Amino acid sequence: MQNKQYTMEELYPLLLEVIESGGEFRLWPRGTSMLPLLREGKDSVLLVMPLHCQKHDICLYRRADGAFVLHRLMKFEKNGDPIFCGDNQTALEYGVSREQIIARACAVYRGDRRISVSSRKYRFYVFLHSMMPLRRLRFLPRRIWGRLKRMCKN
């Protein structure tokens, strides 16, 4: 069986239809901006309607230039607009309105294993990420890094 890859432009009408009807849409994102949480070709997210997006949610949005982006909501501007950033990035992205948000993740799949965004493991990952971005953990002693990786795998 051959896996066909679709562009987001091709998937967008179907994704909107499913999300707007109250369904869930599983998406395998491409890119490295959400490492180490989402690995291209291995991990996926389960998307739902973005009724109440809050800090630390992973959201799918469309930039003004038409690009589709899956990043974490870091905080809100004073006017209520969200500010996003990929887990593997340092620059915050401003200028995205709430209307540009298409969906939010309710679960992450590590391979076939489902991890709810309300699970303890996921909340621990978000806590670590918010305190000290995981991209900086590579400078920790190897034994501590190994323990953290094992905790996230189980």
N, C-alpha and C. Protein backbone atom coordinates (compact mmCIF):
# COMPACT_ATOMS: atom_id res chain seq x y z
N MET A 1 0.84 -1.17 0.00
CA MET A 1 0.00 0.00 0.00
C MET A 1 0.89 1.24 0.00
N GLN A 2 0.56 2.19 -0.83
CA GLN A 2 1.36 3.38 -0.97
C GLN A 2 0.66 4.56 -0.30
N ASN A 3 1.40 5.31 0.52
CA ASN A 3 0.84 6.48 1.19
C ASN A 3 0.97 7.69 0.29
N LYS A 4 -0.14 8.30 -0.04
CA LYS A 4 -0.11 9.50 -0.85
C LYS A 4 -0.06 10.71 0.07
N GLN A 5 0.80 11.65 -0.26
CA GLN A 5 0.88 12.87 0.52
C GLN A 5 0.07 13.96 -0.17
N TYR A 6 -0.67 14.70 0.63
CA TYR A 6 -1.48 15.79 0.13
C TYR A 6 -0.94 17.11 0.66
N THR A 7 -1.13 18.15 -0.10
CA THR A 7 -0.76 19.47 0.38
C THR A 7 -1.87 19.98 1.29
N MET A 8 -1.55 20.95 2.13
CA MET A 8 -2.58 21.54 2.99
C MET A 8 -3.64 22.24 2.15
N GLU A 9 -3.23 22.77 1.03
CA GLU A 9 -4.19 23.43 0.12
C GLU A 9 -5.25 22.42 -0.35
N GLU A 10 -4.81 21.18 -0.62
CA GLU A 10 -5.74 20.12 -1.04
C GLU A 10 -6.62 19.65 0.12
N LEU A 11 -6.03 19.57 1.32
CA LEU A 11 -6.77 19.07 2.49
C LEU A 11 -7.69 20.10 3.12
N TYR A 12 -7.42 21.36 2.89
CA TYR A 12 -8.13 22.43 3.59
C TYR A 12 -9.66 22.34 3.49
N PRO A 13 -10.25 22.16 2.31
CA PRO A 13 -11.72 22.08 2.27
C PRO A 13 -12.28 20.92 3.11
N LEU A 14 -11.64 19.76 3.05
CA LEU A 14 -12.08 18.61 3.83
C LEU A 14 -11.88 18.86 5.31
N LEU A 15 -10.74 19.39 5.69
CA LEU A 15 -10.45 19.71 7.08
C LEU A 15 -11.50 20.66 7.64
N LEU A 16 -11.81 21.72 6.91
CA LEU A 16 -12.82 22.68 7.35
C LEU A 16 -14.18 22.03 7.53
N GLU A 17 -14.55 21.19 6.58
CA GLU A 17 -15.85 20.51 6.64
C GLU A 17 -15.95 19.64 7.89
N VAL A 18 -14.90 18.87 8.15
CA VAL A 18 -14.89 17.97 9.31
C VAL A 18 -14.90 18.76 10.61
N ILE A 19 -14.04 19.76 10.71
CA ILE A 19 -13.93 20.56 11.94
C ILE A 19 -15.22 21.32 12.21
N GLU A 20 -15.76 21.97 11.18
CA GLU A 20 -16.98 22.77 11.38
C GLU A 20 -18.21 21.93 11.70
N SER A 21 -18.17 20.65 11.34
CA SER A 21 -19.30 19.78 11.68
C SER A 21 -19.13 19.14 13.07
N GLY A 22 -18.07 19.54 13.78
CA GLY A 22 -17.85 19.03 15.13
C GLY A 22 -17.01 17.77 15.18
N GLY A 23 -16.42 17.38 14.06
CA GLY A 23 -15.60 16.17 14.01
C GLY A 23 -14.15 16.41 14.39
N GLU A 24 -13.38 15.34 14.29
CA GLU A 24 -11.94 15.37 14.57
C GLU A 24 -11.19 15.04 13.30
N PHE A 25 -10.05 15.68 13.10
CA PHE A 25 -9.25 15.49 11.89
C PHE A 25 -7.82 15.19 12.30
N ARG A 26 -7.30 14.05 11.87
CA ARG A 26 -5.93 13.66 12.21
C ARG A 26 -4.99 14.16 11.12
N LEU A 27 -3.95 14.88 11.53
CA LEU A 27 -3.02 15.51 10.60
C LEU A 27 -1.59 15.13 10.95
N TRP A 28 -0.82 14.75 9.92
CA TRP A 28 0.60 14.45 10.07
C TRP A 28 1.38 15.67 9.57
N PRO A 29 1.83 16.52 10.50
CA PRO A 29 2.50 17.75 10.06
C PRO A 29 3.89 17.50 9.50
N ARG A 30 4.32 18.44 8.68
CA ARG A 30 5.68 18.40 8.13
C ARG A 30 6.47 19.56 8.72
N GLY A 31 7.77 19.37 8.80
CA GLY A 31 8.64 20.43 9.30
C GLY A 31 9.24 20.07 10.64
N THR A 32 10.08 20.97 11.14
CA THR A 32 10.80 20.73 12.39
C THR A 32 10.47 21.74 13.48
N SER A 33 9.55 22.64 13.23
CA SER A 33 9.29 23.72 14.19
C SER A 33 8.69 23.23 15.50
N MET A 34 8.07 22.04 15.53
CA MET A 34 7.47 21.54 16.76
C MET A 34 8.26 20.39 17.39
N LEU A 35 9.51 20.22 16.97
CA LEU A 35 10.37 19.23 17.64
C LEU A 35 10.60 19.68 19.07
N PRO A 36 10.78 18.81 20.01
CA PRO A 36 10.84 17.37 19.93
C PRO A 36 9.47 16.69 20.04
N LEU A 37 8.42 17.46 20.21
CA LEU A 37 7.09 16.87 20.39
C LEU A 37 6.60 16.18 19.13
N LEU A 38 6.68 16.85 17.99
CA LEU A 38 6.16 16.29 16.74
C LEU A 38 7.30 16.04 15.76
N ARG A 39 7.46 14.77 15.41
CA ARG A 39 8.51 14.37 14.46
C ARG A 39 7.86 14.09 13.11
N GLU A 40 8.39 14.72 12.09
CA GLU A 40 7.83 14.57 10.75
C GLU A 40 7.84 13.11 10.31
N GLY A 41 6.72 12.67 9.77
CA GLY A 41 6.59 11.31 9.27
C GLY A 41 6.31 10.26 10.33
N LYS A 42 6.35 10.65 11.61
CA LYS A 42 6.12 9.69 12.69
C LYS A 42 4.93 10.06 13.57
N ASP A 43 4.80 11.33 13.87
CA ASP A 43 3.80 11.78 14.82
C ASP A 43 2.69 12.55 14.13
N SER A 44 1.55 12.64 14.80
CA SER A 44 0.41 13.36 14.24
C SER A 44 -0.35 14.05 15.36
N VAL A 45 -1.30 14.89 14.96
CA VAL A 45 -2.15 15.58 15.93
C VAL A 45 -3.60 15.35 15.55
N LEU A 46 -4.45 15.33 16.55
CA LEU A 46 -5.88 15.21 16.34
C LEU A 46 -6.47 16.60 16.55
N LEU A 47 -7.05 17.15 15.49
CA LEU A 47 -7.53 18.52 15.50
C LEU A 47 -9.04 18.58 15.71
N VAL A 48 -9.47 19.59 16.46
CA VAL A 48 -10.89 19.84 16.70
C VAL A 48 -11.16 21.33 16.52
N MET A 49 -12.42 21.70 16.62
CA MET A 49 -12.81 23.11 16.48
C MET A 49 -12.15 23.95 17.59
N PRO A 50 -11.65 25.12 17.24
CA PRO A 50 -10.95 25.95 18.23
C PRO A 50 -11.87 26.86 19.03
N LEU A 51 -12.80 26.28 19.76
CA LEU A 51 -13.78 27.09 20.49
C LEU A 51 -13.14 27.97 21.56
N HIS A 52 -12.33 27.38 22.39
CA HIS A 52 -11.72 28.11 23.50
C HIS A 52 -10.22 27.87 23.51
N CYS A 53 -9.50 28.55 22.66
CA CYS A 53 -8.04 28.40 22.64
C CYS A 53 -7.46 29.11 23.84
N GLN A 54 -6.53 28.44 24.50
CA GLN A 54 -5.89 29.04 25.65
C GLN A 54 -4.39 28.86 25.57
N LYS A 55 -3.69 29.50 26.47
CA LYS A 55 -2.24 29.46 26.51
C LYS A 55 -1.76 28.01 26.50
N HIS A 56 -0.76 27.73 25.69
CA HIS A 56 -0.10 26.43 25.53
C HIS A 56 -0.82 25.46 24.61
N ASP A 57 -1.99 25.84 24.07
CA ASP A 57 -2.64 24.98 23.08
C ASP A 57 -1.82 24.96 21.80
N ILE A 58 -1.86 23.83 21.10
CA ILE A 58 -1.27 23.74 19.77
C ILE A 58 -2.40 24.05 18.79
N CYS A 59 -2.18 25.04 17.96
CA CYS A 59 -3.23 25.48 17.03
C CYS A 59 -2.74 25.44 15.59
N LEU A 60 -3.67 25.13 14.71
CA LEU A 60 -3.41 25.23 13.27
C LEU A 60 -4.03 26.55 12.83
N TYR A 61 -3.21 27.37 12.19
CA TYR A 61 -3.71 28.65 11.69
C TYR A 61 -3.14 28.91 10.30
N ARG A 62 -3.73 29.89 9.65
CA ARG A 62 -3.29 30.25 8.31
C ARG A 62 -2.81 31.69 8.33
N ARG A 63 -1.55 31.86 7.93
CA ARG A 63 -0.97 33.20 7.87
C ARG A 63 -1.62 34.01 6.75
N ALA A 64 -1.39 35.30 6.79
CA ALA A 64 -1.93 36.20 5.76
C ALA A 64 -1.40 35.83 4.37
N ASP A 65 -0.20 35.26 4.30
CA ASP A 65 0.38 34.88 3.00
C ASP A 65 -0.15 33.53 2.50
N GLY A 66 -1.05 32.89 3.27
CA GLY A 66 -1.66 31.63 2.85
C GLY A 66 -1.00 30.39 3.42
N ALA A 67 0.13 30.53 4.09
CA ALA A 67 0.84 29.38 4.66
C ALA A 67 0.09 28.84 5.87
N PHE A 68 0.02 27.50 5.98
CA PHE A 68 -0.60 26.84 7.12
C PHE A 68 0.48 26.54 8.14
N VAL A 69 0.20 26.82 9.42
CA VAL A 69 1.21 26.68 10.47
C VAL A 69 0.58 25.98 11.67
N LEU A 70 1.33 25.07 12.27
CA LEU A 70 0.91 24.38 13.49
C LEU A 70 1.92 24.74 14.57
N HIS A 71 1.53 25.65 15.47
CA HIS A 71 2.43 26.12 16.53
C HIS A 71 1.67 26.22 17.85
N ARG A 72 2.45 26.45 18.89
CA ARG A 72 1.88 26.57 20.24
C ARG A 72 1.50 28.02 20.53
N LEU A 73 0.33 28.20 21.14
CA LEU A 73 -0.11 29.53 21.56
C LEU A 73 0.64 29.86 22.85
N MET A 74 1.47 30.88 22.80
CA MET A 74 2.32 31.21 23.95
C MET A 74 1.66 32.18 24.93
N LYS A 75 0.97 33.17 24.36
CA LYS A 75 0.28 34.17 25.19
C LYS A 75 -0.60 35.00 24.28
N PHE A 76 -1.28 35.98 24.88
CA PHE A 76 -2.16 36.87 24.12
C PHE A 76 -1.66 38.30 24.21
N GLU A 77 -1.84 39.03 23.12
CA GLU A 77 -1.53 40.46 23.13
C GLU A 77 -2.62 41.17 23.93
N LYS A 78 -2.41 42.45 24.23
CA LYS A 78 -3.39 43.22 25.00
C LYS A 78 -4.73 43.29 24.29
N ASN A 79 -4.71 43.29 22.94
CA ASN A 79 -5.97 43.35 22.18
C ASN A 79 -6.63 41.98 22.03
N GLY A 80 -6.04 40.93 22.61
CA GLY A 80 -6.63 39.60 22.56
C GLY A 80 -6.11 38.71 21.46
N ASP A 81 -5.27 39.26 20.56
CA ASP A 81 -4.71 38.43 19.48
C ASP A 81 -3.68 37.46 20.04
N PRO A 82 -3.66 36.22 19.53
CA PRO A 82 -2.72 35.23 20.03
C PRO A 82 -1.29 35.48 19.53
N ILE A 83 -0.33 35.01 20.31
CA ILE A 83 1.08 35.05 19.93
C ILE A 83 1.55 33.60 19.92
N PHE A 84 2.13 33.16 18.80
CA PHE A 84 2.51 31.77 18.62
C PHE A 84 4.02 31.60 18.55
N CYS A 85 4.45 30.35 18.78
CA CYS A 85 5.84 29.98 18.59
C CYS A 85 5.93 28.46 18.49
N GLY A 86 6.78 27.97 17.61
CA GLY A 86 7.03 26.54 17.54
C GLY A 86 7.89 26.10 18.71
N ASP A 87 7.75 24.87 19.16
CA ASP A 87 8.53 24.37 20.29
C ASP A 87 10.03 24.40 20.00
N ASN A 88 10.40 24.30 18.74
CA ASN A 88 11.80 24.27 18.34
C ASN A 88 12.26 25.63 17.82
N GLN A 89 11.56 26.68 18.18
CA GLN A 89 11.90 28.02 17.71
C GLN A 89 12.02 28.97 18.89
N THR A 90 12.63 30.11 18.64
CA THR A 90 12.77 31.11 19.71
C THR A 90 12.01 32.39 19.41
N ALA A 91 11.72 32.67 18.14
CA ALA A 91 11.04 33.92 17.77
C ALA A 91 9.53 33.76 17.90
N LEU A 92 8.92 34.69 18.61
CA LEU A 92 7.47 34.69 18.74
C LEU A 92 6.85 35.25 17.47
N GLU A 93 5.68 34.74 17.10
CA GLU A 93 4.99 35.22 15.91
C GLU A 93 3.77 36.04 16.31
N TYR A 94 3.85 37.31 15.97
CA TYR A 94 2.77 38.25 16.24
C TYR A 94 1.96 38.45 14.96
N GLY A 95 0.83 39.11 15.07
CA GLY A 95 0.05 39.47 13.89
C GLY A 95 -0.91 38.42 13.40
N VAL A 96 -1.18 37.43 14.22
CA VAL A 96 -2.18 36.40 13.87
C VAL A 96 -3.45 36.73 14.64
N SER A 97 -4.56 36.82 13.94
CA SER A 97 -5.82 37.12 14.63
C SER A 97 -6.52 35.81 15.00
N ARG A 98 -7.46 35.89 15.90
CA ARG A 98 -8.23 34.71 16.30
C ARG A 98 -8.97 34.09 15.11
N GLU A 99 -9.37 34.93 14.17
CA GLU A 99 -10.11 34.46 12.99
C GLU A 99 -9.25 33.58 12.09
N GLN A 100 -7.94 33.69 12.19
CA GLN A 100 -7.04 32.90 11.36
C GLN A 100 -6.82 31.49 11.91
N ILE A 101 -7.25 31.26 13.15
CA ILE A 101 -7.09 29.93 13.76
C ILE A 101 -8.14 29.00 13.19
N ILE A 102 -7.69 27.88 12.65
CA ILE A 102 -8.57 26.91 11.99
C ILE A 102 -8.98 25.80 12.95
N ALA A 103 -8.03 25.32 13.76
CA ALA A 103 -8.29 24.18 14.64
C ALA A 103 -7.28 24.19 15.79
N ARG A 104 -7.57 23.39 16.80
CA ARG A 104 -6.61 23.20 17.89
C ARG A 104 -6.47 21.70 18.14
N ALA A 105 -5.31 21.32 18.64
CA ALA A 105 -5.04 19.91 18.90
C ALA A 105 -5.66 19.49 20.22
N CYS A 106 -6.36 18.34 20.20
CA CYS A 106 -6.90 17.78 21.45
C CYS A 106 -6.09 16.56 21.88
N ALA A 107 -5.25 16.06 20.95
CA ALA A 107 -4.39 14.92 21.26
C ALA A 107 -3.21 14.91 20.30
N VAL A 108 -2.15 14.26 20.76
CA VAL A 108 -0.94 14.06 19.96
C VAL A 108 -0.74 12.56 19.85
N TYR A 109 -0.35 12.10 18.70
CA TYR A 109 -0.04 10.69 18.51
C TYR A 109 1.45 10.53 18.31
N ARG A 110 2.08 9.74 19.20
CA ARG A 110 3.48 9.35 19.05
C ARG A 110 3.42 7.97 18.42
N GLY A 111 3.57 7.94 17.09
CA GLY A 111 3.32 6.70 16.38
C GLY A 111 1.83 6.41 16.49
N ASP A 112 1.48 5.26 17.06
CA ASP A 112 0.07 4.89 17.24
C ASP A 112 -0.44 5.17 18.65
N ARG A 113 0.43 5.65 19.52
CA ARG A 113 0.05 5.90 20.91
C ARG A 113 -0.56 7.29 21.05
N ARG A 114 -1.78 7.34 21.56
CA ARG A 114 -2.50 8.61 21.72
C ARG A 114 -2.14 9.24 23.06
N ILE A 115 -1.82 10.53 23.02
CA ILE A 115 -1.53 11.28 24.24
C ILE A 115 -2.49 12.47 24.27
N SER A 116 -3.40 12.45 25.22
CA SER A 116 -4.35 13.54 25.36
C SER A 116 -3.62 14.79 25.85
N VAL A 117 -4.07 15.95 25.41
CA VAL A 117 -3.44 17.19 25.87
C VAL A 117 -3.78 17.48 27.33
N SER A 118 -4.68 16.70 27.92
CA SER A 118 -4.99 16.87 29.34
C SER A 118 -4.28 15.82 30.20
N SER A 119 -3.46 14.95 29.58
CA SER A 119 -2.76 13.91 30.34
C SER A 119 -1.62 14.52 31.16
N ARG A 120 -1.22 13.81 32.19
CA ARG A 120 -0.12 14.28 33.04
C ARG A 120 1.18 14.41 32.27
N LYS A 121 1.49 13.43 31.43
CA LYS A 121 2.74 13.47 30.67
C LYS A 121 2.80 14.68 29.75
N TYR A 122 1.70 14.94 29.08
CA TYR A 122 1.67 16.08 28.17
C TYR A 122 1.79 17.39 28.96
N ARG A 123 1.04 17.50 30.06
CA ARG A 123 1.11 18.72 30.87
C ARG A 123 2.50 18.92 31.44
N PHE A 124 3.22 17.82 31.78
CA PHE A 124 4.58 17.92 32.26
C PHE A 124 5.50 18.45 31.16
N TYR A 125 5.30 17.95 29.94
CA TYR A 125 6.08 18.45 28.80
C TYR A 125 5.85 19.95 28.62
N VAL A 126 4.59 20.37 28.66
CA VAL A 126 4.27 21.79 28.48
C VAL A 126 4.88 22.62 29.60
N PHE A 127 4.82 22.09 30.83
CA PHE A 127 5.43 22.79 31.96
C PHE A 127 6.93 22.98 31.73
N LEU A 128 7.61 21.90 31.35
CA LEU A 128 9.05 22.01 31.07
C LEU A 128 9.32 23.01 29.95
N HIS A 129 8.51 22.92 28.92
CA HIS A 129 8.71 23.81 27.78
C HIS A 129 8.49 25.27 28.17
N SER A 130 7.51 25.52 29.02
CA SER A 130 7.23 26.91 29.41
C SER A 130 8.28 27.45 30.37
N MET A 131 8.86 26.59 31.17
CA MET A 131 9.88 27.03 32.13
C MET A 131 11.23 27.24 31.46
N MET A 132 11.58 26.28 30.61
CA MET A 132 12.88 26.33 29.94
C MET A 132 12.73 25.55 28.64
N PRO A 133 12.69 26.22 27.52
CA PRO A 133 12.45 25.51 26.26
C PRO A 133 13.33 24.28 26.10
N LEU A 134 12.72 23.17 25.69
CA LEU A 134 13.42 21.89 25.60
C LEU A 134 14.62 21.93 24.66
N ARG A 135 14.62 22.86 23.72
CA ARG A 135 15.77 22.93 22.81
C ARG A 135 17.04 23.28 23.56
N ARG A 136 16.90 23.86 24.77
CA ARG A 136 18.08 24.20 25.56
C ARG A 136 18.52 23.04 26.45
N LEU A 137 17.68 22.01 26.58
CA LEU A 137 18.02 20.88 27.44
C LEU A 137 19.16 20.05 26.90
N ARG A 138 19.47 20.20 25.64
CA ARG A 138 20.56 19.40 25.08
C ARG A 138 21.90 19.70 25.75
N PHE A 139 21.97 20.80 26.50
CA PHE A 139 23.19 21.16 27.19
C PHE A 139 23.27 20.58 28.60
N LEU A 140 22.20 19.89 29.03
CA LEU A 140 22.22 19.23 30.33
C LEU A 140 23.12 18.01 30.27
N PRO A 141 23.60 17.55 31.42
CA PRO A 141 24.38 16.31 31.42
C PRO A 141 23.61 15.18 30.77
N ARG A 142 24.32 14.31 30.09
CA ARG A 142 23.71 13.25 29.30
C ARG A 142 22.76 12.36 30.11
N ARG A 143 23.09 12.05 31.35
CA ARG A 143 22.23 11.16 32.14
C ARG A 143 20.89 11.81 32.44
N ILE A 144 20.84 13.12 32.68
CA ILE A 144 19.58 13.82 32.94
C ILE A 144 18.75 13.88 31.66
N TRP A 145 19.39 14.18 30.53
CA TRP A 145 18.70 14.22 29.24
C TRP A 145 18.10 12.86 28.92
N GLY A 146 18.85 11.77 29.18
CA GLY A 146 18.35 10.42 28.93
C GLY A 146 17.12 10.10 29.77
N ARG A 147 17.13 10.51 31.04
CA ARG A 147 15.97 10.29 31.91
C ARG A 147 14.74 11.03 31.39
N LEU A 148 14.93 12.28 30.99
CA LEU A 148 13.80 13.05 30.47
C LEU A 148 13.24 12.42 29.21
N LYS A 149 14.10 11.95 28.34
CA LYS A 149 13.63 11.31 27.10
C LYS A 149 12.86 10.03 27.41
N ARG A 150 13.37 9.23 28.35
CA ARG A 150 12.68 7.99 28.73
C ARG A 150 11.32 8.29 29.35
N MET A 151 11.23 9.34 30.15
CA MET A 151 9.95 9.71 30.77
C MET A 151 8.92 10.06 29.69
N CYS A 152 9.35 10.76 28.66
CA CYS A 152 8.42 11.16 27.60
C CYS A 152 8.02 10.00 26.71
N LYS A 153 8.86 8.97 26.60
CA LYS A 153 8.55 7.82 25.76
C LYS A 153 7.50 6.91 26.40
N ASN A 154 7.52 6.79 27.71
CA ASN A 154 6.60 5.87 28.40
C ASN A 154 5.22 6.43 28.52
